[in-house]
Protein backbone atom coordinates (compact mmCIF):
# COMPACT_ATOMS: atom_id res chain seq x y z
CA THR A 1 32.39 -10.58 62.51
CA THR A 2 29.80 -9.55 59.93
CA PHE A 3 28.19 -6.14 59.74
CA LEU A 4 24.83 -5.68 58.11
CA LEU A 5 23.51 -2.24 57.26
CA THR A 6 19.93 -1.30 57.96
CA GLU A 7 17.96 0.23 55.04
CA LYS A 8 18.56 3.65 56.64
CA GLY A 9 22.29 2.93 56.92
CA ARG A 10 22.49 1.74 53.30
CA LYS A 11 20.87 4.95 52.06
CA ARG A 12 23.21 6.99 54.18
CA LYS A 13 26.22 5.12 52.85
CA LEU A 14 25.04 5.51 49.26
CA ARG A 15 24.62 9.24 49.79
CA TYR A 16 28.36 9.47 49.69
CA ASP A 17 28.54 7.37 46.58
CA LEU A 18 26.17 9.34 44.37
CA GLY A 19 28.97 10.35 42.10
CA ASN A 20 30.06 6.77 41.61
CA ILE A 21 26.67 5.13 41.09
CA LYS A 22 26.53 2.85 38.05
CA ILE A 23 23.87 0.71 36.50
CA PRO A 24 25.14 -2.77 35.67
CA LYS A 25 24.50 -3.83 32.11
CA GLN A 26 23.04 -7.34 31.62
CA LYS A 27 24.97 -9.80 29.50
CA VAL A 28 21.75 -10.61 27.71
CA TRP A 29 19.20 -7.79 27.27
CA ASP A 30 15.71 -8.74 28.37
CA GLY A 31 13.95 -6.83 25.55
CA ARG A 32 12.30 -4.40 27.88
CA TRP A 33 12.78 -0.63 28.13
CA ARG A 34 12.76 1.51 31.27
CA LEU A 35 10.93 4.78 30.82
CA LEU A 36 11.49 7.33 33.54
CA MET A 37 8.89 10.07 33.52
CA PHE A 38 8.94 13.06 35.84
CA ASP A 39 7.11 16.30 36.56
CA ILE A 40 9.28 18.12 39.08
CA PRO A 41 7.94 21.52 40.24
CA GLU A 42 9.86 24.73 39.73
CA SER A 43 10.47 24.93 43.49
CA LYS A 44 12.75 21.90 43.05
CA LYS A 45 14.54 23.17 39.97
CA PHE A 46 17.95 22.29 41.34
CA ALA A 47 16.91 18.71 41.91
CA ARG A 48 15.36 18.50 38.46
CA GLU A 49 18.56 19.71 36.77
CA ALA A 50 20.67 17.39 38.92
CA LEU A 51 18.44 14.47 37.97
CA ARG A 52 18.81 15.26 34.26
CA ASP A 53 22.61 15.50 34.62
CA LYS A 54 22.73 12.21 36.45
CA LEU A 55 20.55 10.45 33.88
CA LYS A 56 22.87 11.64 31.09
CA ASN A 57 25.86 10.48 33.09
CA LEU A 58 24.27 7.02 33.56
CA GLY A 59 23.68 6.63 29.83
CA PHE A 60 19.96 7.32 29.61
CA LEU A 61 18.63 8.93 26.43
CA GLN A 62 16.08 11.75 26.48
CA PHE A 63 12.97 10.34 24.81
CA GLN A 64 10.91 13.51 25.30
CA LYS A 65 11.46 16.53 27.52
CA SER A 66 10.66 14.82 30.84
CA ILE A 67 10.81 11.22 29.60
CA TRP A 68 14.10 9.31 29.61
CA ILE A 69 14.82 5.78 28.40
CA TYR A 70 17.23 3.03 29.33
CA PRO A 71 17.42 -0.68 28.36
CA TYR A 72 18.55 -2.27 31.60
CA PRO A 73 17.03 -2.72 35.08
CA CYS A 74 17.63 0.42 37.09
CA GLU A 75 14.93 0.49 39.71
CA ASP A 76 17.27 0.51 42.73
CA GLU A 77 19.48 3.16 41.32
CA ILE A 78 16.53 5.46 40.37
CA ASP A 79 14.98 4.89 43.78
CA PHE A 80 18.20 5.95 45.45
CA ILE A 81 18.65 9.07 43.23
CA ALA A 82 14.99 10.04 43.83
CA GLU A 83 15.35 9.66 47.62
CA TYR A 84 18.67 11.51 47.59
CA PHE A 85 17.10 14.57 45.88
CA SER A 86 13.78 14.19 47.72
CA ILE A 87 11.77 13.93 44.48
CA ALA A 88 10.44 10.34 44.58
CA GLN A 89 6.83 11.51 44.52
CA HIS A 90 7.45 13.26 41.19
CA LEU A 91 8.88 10.21 39.31
CA ILE A 92 7.29 7.29 37.57
CA LEU A 93 9.42 4.40 36.22
CA LEU A 94 7.77 2.07 33.73
CA THR A 95 9.13 -1.15 32.24
CA VAL A 96 7.76 -1.61 28.74
CA GLN A 97 8.17 -3.33 25.45
CA ILE A 98 8.28 -1.06 22.39
CA GLU A 99 7.37 -2.15 18.94
CA ASN A 100 9.63 -0.96 16.17
CA ASP A 101 12.46 -0.13 18.57
CA ARG A 102 15.32 -0.58 16.02
CA PRO A 103 16.39 3.10 16.33
CA LEU A 104 16.64 2.78 20.10
CA ARG A 105 18.49 -0.53 19.85
CA ALA A 106 20.98 1.13 17.52
CA LYS A 107 21.58 4.03 19.87
CA PHE A 108 22.21 1.59 22.75
CA LYS A 109 24.14 -0.80 20.56
CA LEU A 110 21.86 -3.74 21.31
């Protein structure tokens, strides 16, 4: 017997795993950076602070006040966190290449 979760069921299961969520590191870095930008209103201050705490826990670095950076693919994890805190409409995740990224590479030990 095989059980398959629907998308709704998967999100519900993951809700209980928020504390254990991890972003897998690639064996070979693809040379692209993930920039997460957000502008979360004051009415959702709790969610904003929880997001910042989670990003720190996942290993993101604060690039600017509301811009965080990470070297590995993390779209699924960010989507889940955004849905969990009901802030998806306030986030933008970009995948970019950065010239002169040696300081960032050093911080992430790449």
